[in-house]
Amino acid sequence: MAVPLFLLLAIAARGADWPQFRGPSASGAGTGTPPVEWNGEKRQNILWKTPLPGLGHSSPILWGDRIFLTSAVPASGKSGLKLGLYGDIAPVEGESAQSFNIYCLDRKSGRILWQKTAFSGQPKVKRHPKATHANATPATDGKHLVVSFGSEGLYAYTLDGKLLWKQDLGVLDAGYFRAPEAQWGFSSSPILHDGMAIVQADVQKDSFLAAFDVRTGKQIWRTRREDVPTFGSPAAVPRGDGWQIVVNGWKHIGGYDAKTGAPLWNLKGGGDIPVPTPVYAGGLILITNAHGDGRPIFAIRPDAKGDITGSAEAIAWSHPRAGNYMQTPLISGGLAYFCYDNGVLSVYQLKTGERLYQQRLGGGSTGFTSSPVAAGGRLYITNEDGRTYVLAQGGVYKEEAGNELGETVMASPAVADGVIYLRGRSHLFAIGAR
């Protein structure tokens, strides 16, 4: 039987590419063996660093010899960030008009090959002081580059920067549902699956999950969602002989048929500001969130059906008070790694949910937003100050290094062929042995 094109592309991507947020299947697992130590200011093991204008938290994606990422560049002034652990929900006021830009860089040299402006104008929604107007990570299948700027539209380009189509998705107002005036900006990244661009838009009003033909932009299906604003990305997960699209949520964590958008299963409860993206490995879907009364971890079997709230059959294991708020967890070598905003790392057996250890990274005063990645038998976890903790993978805590980039880091890295591509406040860094 012939192998579908999207599977061939996925297999190819597992070699040396990083085609979406968190890489192939949102796994966070890279290839090769990156260096253990580096220093951004001293240029130790820094292959190159490229200045990036404006402000963006989108992660770099990789395909072949190219890197793609986005930024929002203000027409006047400089966009600020407020880092750290705090509870201020007020959005940023008084910002100027922005250029919503896409950049293509040469992977070997870091040189900018092309730049396109998808939209210029006043943002339709304000942002959180820790966020940007370019939060969503692009996605590619090797032919198409799909970029979401939320309220400013969904765009598709060739890898050479030719605009193929654009879709106006309306005003996507995401923020705290208990205080609708607290606009925080849109962050859910699109994914590409079986010739479709999948978009999750959980917002204050008229939330939806939708699929668009990646070649033409034509809407294939659209499913209404009844949930509060969420900030994570959808995930494509195998189910029997087919696929499902799994999303995080508060009122509706769930799985949807990838071909039709029909709901397959749903789960209620947890944190009321869901951020992490679902991840799948070892026959289990891991979903976590944390805010308000709940901070669960759920390990869900992919053949779940209907309302699985409290179902021992569909939920292999769970922990009601152990989940992440911001970071997407990492599964590697049969272990699941979860890191809290304050740097507390917890490691579990994937099959059983048994916790193997819990350890704080740093002193607890610095925030952790970037999601961890793994390669070469090590974990790489970066805090907002740009310090990366390098840990040995496994069920025993072993810190091998702590490396300073010299810039704020909010975006999750990409890692392939032994090189970590890490986005700082002002530069994209390529970190590799030299």
Protein backbone atom coordinates (compact mmCIF):
# COMPACT_ATOMS: atom_id res chain seq x y z
CA MET A 1 0.00 0.00 0.00
CA ALA A 2 1.34 3.46 -0.92
CA VAL A 3 2.45 5.66 1.98
CA PRO A 4 0.49 8.96 2.11
CA LEU A 5 2.47 12.08 1.25
CA PHE A 6 1.95 13.69 4.65
CA LEU A 7 3.47 10.60 6.32
CA LEU A 8 6.46 10.71 4.01
CA LEU A 9 6.94 14.37 4.87
CA ALA A 10 6.61 13.63 8.56
CA ILE A 11 9.20 10.87 8.31
CA ALA A 12 11.53 13.19 6.42
CA ALA A 13 11.03 15.89 9.04
CA ARG A 14 12.17 13.53 11.79
CA GLY A 15 15.63 13.49 10.23
CA ALA A 16 16.90 17.06 10.31
CA ASP A 17 13.90 19.39 10.11
CA TRP A 18 11.72 21.10 12.70
CA PRO A 19 8.50 21.90 10.83
CA GLN A 20 6.22 23.36 13.54
CA PHE A 21 6.01 24.44 17.17
CA ARG A 22 8.05 21.92 19.21
CA GLY A 23 9.20 20.11 16.07
CA PRO A 24 7.91 16.85 14.57
CA SER A 25 4.60 15.92 16.25
CA ALA A 26 5.22 18.68 18.83
CA SER A 27 7.59 16.22 20.50
CA GLY A 28 10.41 18.59 21.42
CA ALA A 29 12.85 15.82 20.47
CA GLY A 30 15.76 16.83 18.24
CA THR A 31 18.56 15.04 16.42
CA GLY A 32 22.31 15.02 16.89
CA THR A 33 24.24 16.00 20.01
CA PRO A 34 24.27 19.74 20.82
CA PRO A 35 27.04 21.15 23.00
CA VAL A 36 26.79 20.94 26.77
CA GLU A 37 28.23 24.41 27.35
CA TRP A 38 27.97 27.80 25.62
CA ASN A 39 27.98 31.51 26.33
CA GLY A 40 26.18 34.02 24.16
CA GLU A 41 28.19 37.08 25.14
CA LYS A 42 31.59 35.38 24.87
CA ARG A 43 30.54 33.63 21.63
CA GLN A 44 31.47 30.23 23.09
CA ASN A 45 29.89 27.57 20.82
CA ILE A 46 27.83 30.26 19.07
CA LEU A 47 27.91 29.46 15.36
CA TRP A 48 26.13 32.71 14.49
CA LYS A 49 23.67 35.26 15.86
CA THR A 50 21.36 37.35 13.70
CA PRO A 51 19.63 40.55 14.83
CA LEU A 52 15.82 40.41 14.66
CA PRO A 53 13.77 43.62 14.58
CA GLY A 54 10.63 44.12 16.64
CA LEU A 55 9.24 41.67 19.13
CA GLY A 56 8.13 38.06 18.72
CA HIS A 57 7.80 34.88 20.75
CA SER A 58 7.29 32.60 17.76
CA SER A 59 9.77 29.74 17.67
CA PRO A 60 12.06 29.18 14.70
CA ILE A 61 11.11 26.33 12.37
CA LEU A 62 13.53 24.53 10.05
CA TRP A 63 13.21 22.96 6.64
CA GLY A 64 16.21 22.00 4.57
CA ASP A 65 18.68 24.88 4.56
CA ARG A 66 16.15 27.47 5.72
CA ILE A 67 14.77 28.88 8.97
CA PHE A 68 11.44 30.68 9.30
CA LEU A 69 10.06 32.86 12.08
CA THR A 70 7.95 35.97 12.64
CA SER A 71 8.07 39.31 14.41
CA ALA A 72 5.90 42.39 14.99
CA VAL A 73 7.82 45.59 14.32
CA PRO A 74 6.39 48.83 15.75
CA ALA A 75 6.14 51.90 13.52
CA SER A 76 7.53 53.99 16.37
CA GLY A 77 9.07 53.32 19.76
CA LYS A 78 10.18 49.99 21.14
CA SER A 79 7.93 47.19 22.35
CA GLY A 80 8.61 46.34 25.99
CA LEU A 81 8.34 43.11 27.96
CA LYS A 82 7.58 42.60 31.62
CA LEU A 83 9.27 39.41 32.80
CA GLY A 84 9.09 37.39 36.00
CA LEU A 85 6.48 35.81 38.23
CA TYR A 86 3.56 38.19 38.68
CA GLY A 87 -0.23 38.35 38.44
CA ASP A 88 -0.86 41.63 36.59
CA ILE A 89 -3.57 40.96 34.01
CA ALA A 90 -3.78 44.43 32.42
CA PRO A 91 -2.83 44.54 28.71
CA VAL A 92 -0.25 46.87 27.18
CA GLU A 93 -1.75 50.25 26.28
CA GLY A 94 -0.86 52.89 23.72
CA GLU A 95 1.20 50.86 21.26
CA SER A 96 1.84 52.15 17.76
CA ALA A 97 0.93 50.46 14.50
CA GLN A 98 2.88 47.29 13.72
CA SER A 99 4.33 45.51 10.71
CA PHE A 100 3.59 41.79 10.99
CA ASN A 101 6.65 40.25 9.35
CA ILE A 102 7.89 36.83 8.26
CA TYR A 103 11.62 36.15 7.95
CA CYS A 104 13.52 33.44 6.11
CA LEU A 105 17.13 32.87 7.18
CA ASP A 106 19.93 30.74 5.81
CA ARG A 107 20.46 27.87 8.23
CA LYS A 108 24.24 27.75 7.87
CA SER A 109 25.07 31.44 8.10
CA GLY A 110 22.04 33.07 9.73
CA ARG A 111 21.79 35.55 6.85
CA ILE A 112 18.27 36.85 6.19
CA LEU A 113 17.29 35.59 2.72
CA TRP A 114 13.92 37.30 2.51
CA GLN A 115 11.38 39.21 4.57
CA LYS A 116 7.67 39.68 3.89
CA THR A 117 5.13 41.91 5.59
CA ALA A 118 1.81 40.12 5.89
CA PHE A 119 -0.07 43.07 7.37
CA SER A 120 0.64 46.62 8.53
CA GLY A 121 -1.59 48.59 10.85
CA GLN A 122 -2.88 49.01 14.36
CA PRO A 123 -3.29 45.64 16.10
CA LYS A 124 -6.93 44.73 16.52
CA VAL A 125 -6.33 43.21 19.96
CA LYS A 126 -3.99 44.35 22.76
CA ARG A 127 -1.31 42.05 24.17
CA HIS A 128 -0.27 40.81 27.60
CA PRO A 129 2.88 42.58 28.93
CA LYS A 130 4.70 39.23 28.68
CA ALA A 131 3.40 38.49 25.18
CA THR A 132 3.90 39.89 21.68
CA HIS A 133 1.84 40.42 18.54
CA ALA A 134 3.81 37.54 16.92
CA ASN A 135 3.38 34.65 19.36
CA ALA A 136 2.27 31.88 16.99
CA THR A 137 4.97 29.69 15.42
CA PRO A 138 4.74 29.06 11.65
CA ALA A 139 4.37 25.58 10.17
CA THR A 140 5.62 24.01 6.95
CA ASP A 141 5.29 20.77 5.01
CA GLY A 142 8.29 21.53 2.79
CA LYS A 143 6.16 23.23 0.12
CA HIS A 144 3.89 25.59 2.01
CA LEU A 145 4.63 27.97 4.87
CA VAL A 146 1.57 28.79 6.98
CA VAL A 147 1.68 31.71 9.39
CA SER A 148 -0.95 32.91 11.87
CA PHE A 149 -1.08 36.45 13.18
CA GLY A 150 -4.42 35.88 14.92
CA SER A 151 -6.74 38.83 14.33
CA GLU A 152 -4.45 40.02 11.55
CA GLY A 153 -5.05 36.87 9.54
CA LEU A 154 -3.84 33.45 8.45
CA TYR A 155 -1.36 33.41 5.55
CA ALA A 156 0.28 30.81 3.31
CA TYR A 157 3.50 31.34 1.35
CA THR A 158 5.87 29.30 -0.74
CA LEU A 159 9.24 28.71 0.87
CA ASP A 160 10.56 31.44 -1.43
CA GLY A 161 8.15 33.98 0.03
CA LYS A 162 5.41 34.10 -2.59
CA LEU A 163 1.97 34.70 -1.06
CA LEU A 164 -0.40 31.85 -1.95
CA TRP A 165 -3.49 32.83 0.02
CA LYS A 166 -4.75 34.57 3.13
CA GLN A 167 -7.77 34.14 5.36
CA ASP A 168 -9.40 36.75 7.55
CA LEU A 169 -10.42 34.85 10.70
CA GLY A 170 -12.05 37.88 12.30
CA VAL A 171 -11.10 39.44 15.61
CA LEU A 172 -9.62 36.68 17.78
CA ASP A 173 -9.84 38.26 21.24
CA ALA A 174 -8.05 36.01 23.74
CA GLY A 175 -7.60 36.96 27.37
CA TYR A 176 -8.92 36.22 30.82
CA PHE A 177 -12.57 35.21 30.55
CA ARG A 178 -13.32 36.60 34.02
CA ALA A 179 -12.06 40.04 32.91
CA PRO A 180 -12.80 40.39 29.17
CA GLU A 181 -11.11 43.80 29.04
CA ALA A 182 -7.81 42.00 29.72
CA GLN A 183 -6.84 41.31 26.11
CA TRP A 184 -3.69 39.19 25.93
CA GLY A 185 -3.15 38.54 22.23
CA PHE A 186 -3.39 35.33 20.21
CA SER A 187 -0.79 32.57 20.53
CA SER A 188 -2.10 29.25 19.18
CA SER A 189 0.16 28.01 16.38
CA PRO A 190 -1.23 26.32 13.25
CA ILE A 191 -0.23 22.78 12.34
CA LEU A 192 -0.20 21.09 8.94
CA HIS A 193 -1.72 17.63 8.59
CA ASP A 194 -2.74 15.63 5.52
CA GLY A 195 -2.88 18.68 3.25
CA MET A 196 -4.71 20.81 5.78
CA ALA A 197 -3.79 23.79 7.95
CA ILE A 198 -5.43 23.25 11.34
CA VAL A 199 -6.25 26.29 13.48
CA GLN A 200 -7.51 26.34 17.07
CA ALA A 201 -9.15 29.64 18.00
CA ASP A 202 -10.48 29.57 21.56
CA VAL A 203 -11.37 33.21 22.23
CA GLN A 204 -13.86 35.32 24.17
CA LYS A 205 -16.65 34.80 21.63
CA ASP A 206 -17.38 32.29 18.83
CA SER A 207 -14.50 29.87 19.45
CA PHE A 208 -13.75 27.25 16.80
CA LEU A 209 -11.42 24.57 15.47
CA ALA A 210 -11.01 24.67 11.69
CA ALA A 211 -9.17 23.05 8.78
CA PHE A 212 -8.14 24.84 5.58
CA ASP A 213 -6.81 23.41 2.33
CA VAL A 214 -3.10 24.21 2.51
CA ARG A 215 -2.93 24.77 -1.26
CA THR A 216 -5.89 27.12 -1.68
CA GLY A 217 -6.95 28.35 1.76
CA LYS A 218 -10.46 26.99 1.24
CA GLN A 219 -12.12 26.00 4.50
CA ILE A 220 -12.63 22.22 4.66
CA TRP A 221 -14.41 22.03 8.00
CA ARG A 222 -15.12 24.21 11.01
CA THR A 223 -16.31 22.98 14.39
CA ARG A 224 -17.72 25.29 17.02
CA ARG A 225 -16.14 25.09 20.47
CA GLU A 226 -17.70 26.12 23.75
CA ASP A 227 -14.73 27.08 25.87
CA VAL A 228 -12.89 29.97 27.47
CA PRO A 229 -9.85 31.47 25.72
CA THR A 230 -6.97 29.03 25.50
CA PHE A 231 -3.43 29.58 24.26
CA GLY A 232 -1.98 26.22 23.21
CA SER A 233 -1.76 24.64 19.78
CA PRO A 234 -3.62 21.63 18.38
CA ALA A 235 -1.88 18.28 17.94
CA ALA A 236 -2.38 15.53 15.35
CA VAL A 237 -2.58 12.16 17.12
CA PRO A 238 -3.10 8.68 15.59
CA ARG A 239 -6.38 6.91 16.36
CA GLY A 240 -6.91 3.41 15.03
CA ASP A 241 -6.43 3.56 11.27
CA GLY A 242 -6.92 7.33 11.17
CA TRP A 243 -6.03 10.54 12.92
CA GLN A 244 -7.56 12.92 15.40
CA ILE A 245 -6.88 16.54 16.30
CA VAL A 246 -6.43 16.92 20.06
CA VAL A 247 -6.76 20.25 21.86
CA ASN A 248 -6.34 21.54 25.38
CA GLY A 249 -9.17 23.34 27.14
CA TRP A 250 -11.03 23.94 30.37
CA LYS A 251 -14.64 23.15 29.49
CA HIS A 252 -13.63 20.97 26.54
CA ILE A 253 -10.32 19.18 26.39
CA GLY A 254 -10.99 16.92 23.45
CA GLY A 255 -10.29 14.97 20.31
CA TYR A 256 -11.84 15.65 16.89
CA ASP A 257 -11.88 13.56 13.72
CA ALA A 258 -9.11 14.94 11.52
CA LYS A 259 -11.06 14.49 8.28
CA THR A 260 -14.39 15.96 9.36
CA GLY A 261 -13.88 17.89 12.60
CA ALA A 262 -16.52 15.77 14.32
CA PRO A 263 -16.06 15.57 18.12
CA LEU A 264 -14.79 12.17 19.32
CA TRP A 265 -14.25 12.63 23.05
CA ASN A 266 -14.19 15.38 25.64
CA LEU A 267 -12.96 16.01 29.16
CA LYS A 268 -13.94 18.75 31.59
CA GLY A 269 -11.96 20.36 34.36
CA GLY A 270 -8.49 21.60 35.14
CA GLY A 271 -6.88 24.99 34.93
CA ASP A 272 -9.03 27.77 33.51
CA ILE A 273 -6.28 29.38 31.36
CA PRO A 274 -5.02 26.39 29.33
CA VAL A 275 -1.68 27.01 27.62
CA PRO A 276 0.40 23.81 27.03
CA THR A 277 0.02 21.89 23.78
CA PRO A 278 -1.00 18.19 23.97
CA VAL A 279 1.82 15.71 23.36
CA TYR A 280 1.63 12.05 22.34
CA ALA A 281 4.03 9.14 22.81
CA GLY A 282 3.98 5.54 24.01
CA GLY A 283 0.28 5.15 23.30
CA LEU A 284 -0.78 8.01 25.61
CA ILE A 285 -1.83 11.62 25.13
CA LEU A 286 -0.52 13.93 27.84
CA ILE A 287 -2.49 17.08 28.56
CA THR A 288 -1.80 19.53 31.36
CA ASN A 289 -2.88 23.00 32.42
CA ALA A 290 -2.78 25.06 35.59
CA HIS A 291 -4.64 28.12 36.76
CA GLY A 292 -7.40 28.79 39.27
CA ASP A 293 -8.58 25.74 41.18
CA GLY A 294 -7.06 23.09 38.93
CA ARG A 295 -3.60 22.04 37.77
CA PRO A 296 -4.00 18.48 36.48
CA ILE A 297 -1.98 16.10 34.36
CA PHE A 298 -4.07 13.66 32.30
CA ALA A 299 -2.67 10.63 30.47
CA ILE A 300 -5.42 9.75 27.98
CA ARG A 301 -5.75 6.72 25.73
CA PRO A 302 -6.18 7.76 22.07
CA ASP A 303 -9.25 5.55 21.52
CA ALA A 304 -11.31 7.49 24.09
CA LYS A 305 -14.99 8.07 23.28
CA GLY A 306 -17.62 10.48 24.52
CA ASP A 307 -17.41 12.28 27.86
CA ILE A 308 -14.39 10.75 29.61
CA THR A 309 -14.46 12.98 32.69
CA GLY A 310 -13.53 10.68 35.59
CA SER A 311 -13.22 7.63 33.30
CA ALA A 312 -10.67 5.06 34.51
CA GLU A 313 -10.99 3.29 31.16
CA ALA A 314 -10.06 6.28 29.01
CA ILE A 315 -7.68 8.00 31.43
CA ALA A 316 -4.67 5.78 32.15
CA TRP A 317 -3.51 7.96 35.04
CA SER A 318 -3.79 11.51 36.31
CA HIS A 319 -2.47 13.86 38.97
CA PRO A 320 -4.89 16.60 40.08
CA ARG A 321 -2.31 19.10 41.41
CA ALA A 322 0.89 18.60 39.40
CA GLY A 323 0.36 20.33 36.05
CA ASN A 324 2.11 23.09 34.11
CA TYR A 325 0.79 26.57 33.46
CA MET A 326 2.94 27.76 30.55
CA GLN A 327 5.35 25.08 29.33
CA THR A 328 4.45 22.19 27.04
CA PRO A 329 5.77 18.97 28.62
CA LEU A 330 8.39 16.72 27.06
CA ILE A 331 8.25 12.94 26.58
CA SER A 332 11.51 11.13 25.94
CA GLY A 333 12.79 7.64 26.69
CA GLY A 334 9.57 6.56 28.39
CA LEU A 335 9.69 9.50 30.81
CA ALA A 336 7.57 12.65 30.97
CA TYR A 337 9.15 15.94 32.03
CA PHE A 338 7.10 18.85 33.43
CA CYS A 339 8.56 22.22 34.47
CA TYR A 340 6.57 24.83 36.40
CA ASP A 341 6.80 28.59 35.88
CA ASN A 342 9.05 28.83 38.95
CA GLY A 343 11.50 26.22 37.66
CA VAL A 344 10.35 23.16 39.60
CA LEU A 345 10.98 20.14 37.37
CA SER A 346 8.99 16.93 37.90
CA VAL A 347 9.72 13.66 36.09
CA TYR A 348 7.25 10.77 35.73
CA GLN A 349 7.13 7.29 34.29
CA LEU A 350 4.98 7.65 31.20
CA LYS A 351 3.23 4.30 31.53
CA THR A 352 2.30 4.50 35.21
CA GLY A 353 2.44 8.15 36.24
CA GLU A 354 4.88 7.36 39.05
CA ARG A 355 6.92 10.42 39.97
CA LEU A 356 10.65 9.68 39.92
CA TYR A 357 11.97 13.00 41.16
CA GLN A 358 11.20 16.69 41.64
CA GLN A 359 13.92 19.34 41.60
CA ARG A 360 13.99 23.13 41.46
CA LEU A 361 16.11 24.75 38.75
CA GLY A 362 17.54 28.00 40.06
CA GLY A 363 16.34 29.96 43.07
CA GLY A 364 12.65 30.23 42.24
CA SER A 365 12.63 33.96 41.49
CA THR A 366 13.02 33.72 37.70
CA GLY A 367 10.18 32.69 35.41
CA PHE A 368 10.27 29.75 32.98
CA THR A 369 8.15 30.14 29.84
CA SER A 370 10.11 28.42 27.04
CA SER A 371 9.27 24.73 26.65
CA PRO A 372 12.09 22.16 27.06
CA VAL A 373 13.73 20.21 24.26
CA ALA A 374 15.80 17.04 24.22
CA ALA A 375 18.68 15.76 22.07
CA GLY A 376 21.75 13.59 22.50
CA GLY A 377 20.52 12.12 25.79
CA ARG A 378 20.13 15.53 27.44
CA LEU A 379 17.39 18.00 28.36
CA TYR A 380 17.68 21.70 27.64
CA ILE A 381 15.45 23.96 29.77
CA THR A 382 15.76 27.75 29.42
CA ASN A 383 14.44 30.42 31.78
CA GLU A 384 13.28 33.92 30.93
CA ASP A 385 16.68 35.42 31.79
CA GLY A 386 18.29 33.27 29.06
CA ARG A 387 19.95 30.68 31.31
CA THR A 388 19.72 27.15 29.94
CA TYR A 389 19.96 24.21 32.34
CA VAL A 390 21.47 21.15 30.69
CA LEU A 391 20.39 17.93 32.41
CA ALA A 392 21.04 14.26 31.76
CA GLN A 393 17.88 12.47 30.71
CA GLY A 394 16.65 9.78 33.05
CA GLY A 395 14.98 9.13 36.35
CA VAL A 396 17.75 10.67 38.49
CA TYR A 397 18.48 14.38 38.60
CA LYS A 398 21.88 15.29 37.14
CA GLU A 399 22.69 18.84 36.09
CA GLU A 400 25.58 19.02 33.62
CA ALA A 401 25.78 22.76 32.91
CA GLY A 402 24.13 26.14 33.22
CA ASN A 403 24.64 28.40 30.18
CA GLU A 404 24.01 32.13 29.76
CA LEU A 405 22.73 33.50 26.48
CA GLY A 406 22.91 37.15 27.54
CA GLU A 407 19.34 37.90 26.36
CA THR A 408 15.79 37.35 27.54
CA VAL A 409 14.29 34.10 26.20
CA MET A 410 10.54 33.48 25.93
CA ALA A 411 10.38 31.37 22.76
CA SER A 412 10.86 27.61 22.68
CA PRO A 413 14.00 26.45 20.81
CA ALA A 414 14.38 24.26 17.75
CA VAL A 415 17.09 21.58 17.70
CA ALA A 416 18.36 19.51 14.78
CA ASP A 417 21.67 18.03 13.62
CA GLY A 418 23.29 18.90 16.93
CA VAL A 419 22.45 22.62 16.69
CA ILE A 420 20.06 24.51 18.99
CA TYR A 421 18.33 27.51 17.42
CA LEU A 422 17.37 29.74 20.31
CA ARG A 423 15.48 33.00 19.95
CA GLY A 424 16.47 35.76 22.34
CA ARG A 425 14.93 39.18 22.83
CA SER A 426 16.92 40.72 19.97
CA HIS A 427 18.70 37.89 18.12
CA LEU A 428 18.33 34.38 16.80
CA PHE A 429 21.28 32.24 17.97
CA ALA A 430 22.64 29.06 16.44
CA ILE A 431 24.34 27.07 19.21
CA GLY A 432 26.64 24.26 18.11
CA ALA A 433 30.10 22.82 18.63
CA ARG A 434 32.87 24.95 17.14
